PDB file of N, CA and C in Angstrom:
ATOM      1  N   MET A   1      99.053  60.433 130.502  1.00  0.00           N
ATOM      2  CA  MET A   1      99.902  60.450 129.686  1.00  0.00           C
ATOM      3  C   MET A   1     100.428  60.278 128.089  1.00  0.00           C
ATOM      4  N   GLN A   2      99.546  59.891 127.424  1.00  0.00           N
ATOM      5  CA  GLN A   2      99.510  59.291 125.971  1.00  0.00           C
ATOM      6  C   GLN A   2     100.339  61.014 125.401  1.00  0.00           C
ATOM      7  N   GLY A   3     101.148  60.177 124.580  1.00  0.00           N
ATOM      8  CA  GLY A   3     101.891  61.398 123.705  1.00  0.00           C
ATOM      9  C   GLY A   3     102.888  62.123 124.353  1.00  0.00           C
ATOM     10  N   LYS A   4     103.180  61.863 125.475  1.00  0.00           N
ATOM     11  CA  LYS A   4     104.031  62.934 126.317  1.00  0.00           C
ATOM     12  C   LYS A   4     105.810  62.271 125.736  1.00  0.00           C
ATOM     13  N   TYR A   5     106.622  62.989 125.936  1.00  0.00           N
ATOM     14  CA  TYR A   5     107.892  62.503 125.918  1.00  0.00           C
ATOM     15  C   TYR A   5     108.497  62.275 126.956  1.00  0.00           C
ATOM     16  N   ILE A   6     109.428  61.349 127.195  1.00  0.00           N
ATOM     17  CA  ILE A   6     110.080  60.561 128.305  1.00  0.00           C
ATOM     18  C   ILE A   6     111.107  61.213 128.342  1.00  0.00           C
ATOM     19  N   GLN A   7     111.773  62.224 128.989  1.00  0.00           N
ATOM     20  CA  GLN A   7     113.111  62.486 129.288  1.00  0.00           C
ATOM     21  C   GLN A   7     114.384  61.391 129.401  1.00  0.00           C
ATOM     22  N   ARG A   8     115.334  61.581 129.159  1.00  0.00           N
ATOM     23  CA  ARG A   8     116.847  60.536 129.771  1.00  0.00           C
ATOM     24  C   ARG A   8     116.779  60.713 131.377  1.00  0.00           C
ATOM     25  N   HIS A   9     116.376  61.800 132.020  1.00  0.00           N
ATOM     26  CA  HIS A   9     116.541  61.884 133.373  1.00  0.00           C
ATOM     27  C   HIS A   9     115.322  61.150 133.858  1.00  0.00           C
ATOM     28  N   GLN A  10     114.432  60.937 133.062  1.00  0.00           N
ATOM     29  CA  GLN A  10     113.201  59.996 133.803  1.00  0.00           C
ATOM     30  C   GLN A  10     113.363  58.395 133.742  1.00  0.00           C
ATOM     31  N   ILE A  11     114.137  58.122 132.637  1.00  0.00           N
ATOM     32  CA  ILE A  11     114.559  56.756 132.468  1.00  0.00           C
ATOM     33  C   ILE A  11     115.632  56.368 133.477  1.00  0.00           C
ATOM     34  N   GLN A  12     116.684  57.395 133.634  1.00  0.00           N
ATOM     35  CA  GLN A  12     117.479  56.895 134.366  1.00  0.00           C
ATOM     36  C   GLN A  12     117.214  56.829 135.761  1.00  0.00           C
ATOM     37  N   SER A  13     115.831  57.518 136.107  1.00  0.00           N
ATOM     38  CA  SER A  13     115.577  57.898 137.347  1.00  0.00           C
ATOM     39  C   SER A  13     114.343  56.778 137.874  1.00  0.00           C
ATOM     40  N   TYR A  14     113.958  55.701 136.881  1.00  0.00           N
ATOM     41  CA  TYR A  14     113.034  54.796 136.769  1.00  0.00           C
ATOM     42  C   TYR A  14     114.249  53.810 137.439  1.00  0.00           C
ATOM     43  N   MET A  15     114.722  53.681 136.235  1.00  0.00           N
ATOM     44  CA  MET A  15     116.039  52.607 136.439  1.00  0.00           C
ATOM     45  C   MET A  15     116.955  52.305 137.860  1.00  0.00           C
ATOM     46  N   LYS A  16     117.003  53.952 138.210  1.00  0.00           N
ATOM     47  CA  LYS A  16     117.722  53.810 139.357  1.00  0.00           C
ATOM     48  C   LYS A  16     116.944  53.213 140.918  1.00  0.00           C
ATOM     49  N   GLY A  17     115.538  53.497 140.371  1.00  0.00           N
ATOM     50  CA  GLY A  17     114.856  53.089 141.413  1.00  0.00           C
ATOM     51  C   GLY A  17     114.453  51.523 141.561  1.00  0.00           C
ATOM     52  N   ARG A  18     114.584  51.063 140.082  1.00  0.00           N
ATOM     53  CA  ARG A  18     114.317  49.645 140.134  1.00  0.00           C
ATOM     54  C   ARG A  18     115.728  48.818 140.655  1.00  0.00           C
ATOM     55  N   ALA A  19     116.715  49.497 140.435  1.00  0.00           N
ATOM     56  CA  ALA A  19     118.182  48.974 140.789  1.00  0.00           C
ATOM     57  C   ALA A  19     118.157  48.908 142.395  1.00  0.00           C
ATOM     58  N   ILE A  20     117.402  49.590 143.051  1.00  0.00           N
ATOM     59  CA  ILE A  20     117.727  49.706 144.527  1.00  0.00           C
ATOM     60  C   ILE A  20     116.376  48.855 145.142  1.00  0.00           C
ATOM     61  N   GLY A  21     115.656  48.357 144.192  1.00  0.00           N
ATOM     62  CA  GLY A  21     114.579  47.315 144.777  1.00  0.00           C
ATOM     63  C   GLY A  21     113.160  48.069 145.057  1.00  0.00           C
ATOM     64  N   HIS A  22     112.838  49.188 144.255  1.00  0.00           N
ATOM     65  CA  HIS A  22     111.604  49.884 144.289  1.00  0.00           C
ATOM     66  C   HIS A  22     110.707  48.454 142.867  1.00  0.00           C
ATOM     67  N   THR A  23     109.352  48.492 143.421  1.00  0.00           N
ATOM     68  CA  THR A  23     108.229  48.085 142.535  1.00  0.00           C
ATOM     69  C   THR A  23     108.175  48.894 141.238  1.00  0.00           C
ATOM     70  N   GLN A  24     107.830  48.340 140.355  1.00  0.00           N
ATOM     71  CA  GLN A  24     107.514  48.948 139.007  1.00  0.00           C
ATOM     72  C   GLN A  24     106.914  50.314 139.228  1.00  0.00           C
ATOM     73  N   GLU A  25     105.899  50.060 140.130  1.00  0.00           N
ATOM     74  CA  GLU A  25     104.777  51.167 140.195  1.00  0.00           C
ATOM     75  C   GLU A  25     105.543  52.340 141.246  1.00  0.00           C
ATOM     76  N   GLU A  26     106.231  51.998 141.913  1.00  0.00           N
ATOM     77  CA  GLU A  26     106.556  53.149 142.643  1.00  0.00           C
ATOM     78  C   GLU A  26     108.017  53.621 141.997  1.00  0.00           C
ATOM     79  N   SER A  27     108.817  53.035 141.309  1.00  0.00           N
ATOM     80  CA  SER A  27     109.816  53.725 140.351  1.00  0.00           C
ATOM     81  C   SER A  27     109.110  54.708 139.368  1.00  0.00           C
ATOM     82  N   ALA A  28     108.058  54.147 138.534  1.00  0.00           N
ATOM     83  CA  ALA A  28     107.234  55.201 137.717  1.00  0.00           C
ATOM     84  C   ALA A  28     106.942  56.486 138.475  1.00  0.00           C
ATOM     85  N   GLN A  29     106.271  56.282 139.732  1.00  0.00           N
ATOM     86  CA  GLN A  29     105.508  57.632 140.174  1.00  0.00           C
ATOM     87  C   GLN A  29     106.601  58.317 140.725  1.00  0.00           C
ATOM     88  N   VAL A  30     108.098  57.569 140.981  1.00  0.00           N
ATOM     89  CA  VAL A  30     109.147  58.976 141.295  1.00  0.00           C
ATOM     90  C   VAL A  30     109.523  59.551 139.934  1.00  0.00           C
ATOM     91  N   ALA A  31     109.699  58.904 138.737  1.00  0.00           N
ATOM     92  CA  ALA A  31     110.224  59.370 137.724  1.00  0.00           C
ATOM     93  C   ALA A  31     108.985  60.120 136.997  1.00  0.00           C
ATOM     94  N   ASN A  32     107.873  60.186 137.342  1.00  0.00           N
ATOM     95  CA  ASN A  32     106.756  61.166 136.588  1.00  0.00           C
ATOM     96  C   ASN A  32     106.432  60.277 135.088  1.00  0.00           C
ATOM     97  N   ILE A  33     106.091  58.913 135.364  1.00  0.00           N
ATOM     98  CA  ILE A  33     105.914  58.310 133.919  1.00  0.00           C
ATOM     99  C   ILE A  33     105.122  57.354 134.345  1.00  0.00           C
ATOM    100  N   SER A  34     104.168  56.651 133.428  1.00  0.00           N
ATOM    101  CA  SER A  34     103.201  55.740 133.771  1.00  0.00           C
ATOM    102  C   SER A  34     103.958  54.457 134.128  1.00  0.00           C
ATOM    103  N   GLU A  35     103.473  53.506 134.647  1.00  0.00           N
ATOM    104  CA  GLU A  35     103.478  52.205 134.782  1.00  0.00           C
ATOM    105  C   GLU A  35     103.952  51.157 133.490  1.00  0.00           C
ATOM    106  N   PRO A  36     103.323  51.413 132.483  1.00  0.00           N
ATOM    107  CA  PRO A  36     103.268  51.058 131.232  1.00  0.00           C
ATOM    108  C   PRO A  36     104.606  51.307 130.508  1.00  0.00           C
ATOM    109  N   SER A  37     104.956  52.705 130.722  1.00  0.00           N
ATOM    110  CA  SER A  37     106.103  53.001 130.257  1.00  0.00           C
ATOM    111  C   SER A  37     107.564  52.816 130.990  1.00  0.00           C
ATOM    112  N   GLY A  38     107.196  52.332 132.226  1.00  0.00           N
ATOM    113  CA  GLY A  38     108.367  51.797 132.833  1.00  0.00           C
ATOM    114  C   GLY A  38     108.550  50.350 132.177  1.00  0.00           C
ATOM    115  N   ARG A  39     107.406  49.863 132.181  1.00  0.00           N
ATOM    116  CA  ARG A  39     107.559  48.321 131.598  1.00  0.00           C
ATOM    117  C   ARG A  39     108.422  48.200 130.233  1.00  0.00           C
ATOM    118  N   ARG A  40     108.014  49.386 129.259  1.00  0.00           N
ATOM    119  CA  ARG A  40     108.290  49.181 128.083  1.00  0.00           C
ATOM    120  C   ARG A  40     110.097  49.728 128.178  1.00  0.00           C
ATOM    121  N   ILE A  41     110.278  50.370 129.422  1.00  0.00           N
ATOM    122  CA  ILE A  41     111.850  50.861 129.403  1.00  0.00           C
ATOM    123  C   ILE A  41     112.616  49.836 129.824  1.00  0.00           C
ATOM    124  N   GLU A  42     111.602  48.673 130.537  1.00  0.00           N
ATOM    125  CA  GLU A  42     112.730  47.310 131.159  1.00  0.00           C
ATOM    126  C   GLU A  42     112.761  46.725 130.042  1.00  0.00           C
ATOM    127  N   THR A  43     111.852  46.508 128.762  1.00  0.00           N
ATOM    128  CA  THR A  43     111.935  45.749 127.776  1.00  0.00           C
ATOM    129  C   THR A  43     112.663  45.950 126.422  1.00  0.00           C
ATOM    130  N   GLY A  44     112.995  47.344 126.774  1.00  0.00           N
ATOM    131  CA  GLY A  44     113.720  47.845 125.529  1.00  0.00           C
ATOM    132  C   GLY A  44     112.821  48.201 124.200  1.00  0.00           C
ATOM    133  N   GLN A  45     111.781  48.494 124.759  1.00  0.00           N
ATOM    134  CA  GLN A  45     110.802  48.738 123.599  1.00  0.00           C
ATOM    135  C   GLN A  45     110.425  50.490 123.082  1.00  0.00           C
ATOM    136  N   LEU A  46     111.292  51.183 123.824  1.00  0.00           N
ATOM    137  CA  LEU A  46     111.028  52.087 123.539  1.00  0.00           C
ATOM    138  C   LEU A  46     112.618  52.932 122.482  1.00  0.00           C
ATOM    139  N   LEU A  47     112.143  53.696 121.446  1.00  0.00           N
ATOM    140  CA  LEU A  47     113.044  53.897 120.495  1.00  0.00           C
ATOM    141  C   LEU A  47     113.611  55.243 121.079  1.00  0.00           C
ATOM    142  N   ASP A  48     114.942  55.152 121.292  1.00  0.00           N
ATOM    143  CA  ASP A  48     115.932  56.443 121.778  1.00  0.00           C
ATOM    144  C   ASP A  48     116.637  56.868 120.528  1.00  0.00           C
ATOM    145  N   ASP A  49     116.623  58.278 120.449  1.00  0.00           N
ATOM    146  CA  ASP A  49     117.114  58.816 119.056  1.00  0.00           C
ATOM    147  C   ASP A  49     118.325  59.733 119.800  1.00  0.00           C
ATOM    148  N   ASN A  50     118.927  59.403 120.880  1.00  0.00           N
ATOM    149  CA  ASN A  50     119.830  60.064 121.793  1.00  0.00           C
ATOM    150  C   ASN A  50     119.063  61.498 122.138  1.00  0.00           C
ATOM    151  N   LYS A  51     117.969  61.893 121.918  1.00  0.00           N
ATOM    152  CA  LYS A  51     117.644  63.145 122.691  1.00  0.00           C
ATOM    153  C   LYS A  51     116.192  62.804 123.623  1.00  0.00           C
ATOM    154  N   LEU A  52     114.915  62.493 122.697  1.00  0.00           N
ATOM    155  CA  LEU A  52     113.635  62.436 123.522  1.00  0.00           C
ATOM    156  C   LEU A  52     113.030  60.959 123.405  1.00  0.00           C
ATOM    157  N   VAL A  53     112.407  60.415 124.025  1.00  0.00           N
ATOM    158  CA  VAL A  53     111.454  59.138 123.478  1.00  0.00           C
ATOM    159  C   VAL A  53     110.201  59.192 123.785  1.00  0.00           C
ATOM    160  N   ILE A  54     109.357  59.116 122.758  1.00  0.00           N
ATOM    161  CA  ILE A  54     107.615  59.611 122.949  1.00  0.00           C
ATOM    162  C   ILE A  54     107.363  58.043 122.957  1.00  0.00           C
ATOM    163  N   VAL A  55     106.316  58.077 123.901  1.00  0.00           N
ATOM    164  CA  VAL A  55     105.558  56.750 123.899  1.00  0.00           C
ATOM    165  C   VAL A  55     104.215  57.088 123.620  1.00  0.00           C
TER     166      VAL A  55
END
């Protein structure tokens, strides 16, 4: 998935999954992102320009 943009709704979906107790792997699958991208979301390493985030 390298070079793909992560949409805001994917970030929200990932974080919602984590909030209800899903693992990083499960939440990433639901949001259709990689597990490392999910970890970057959690640690705040993604730069958000209020549009899209590229990993």
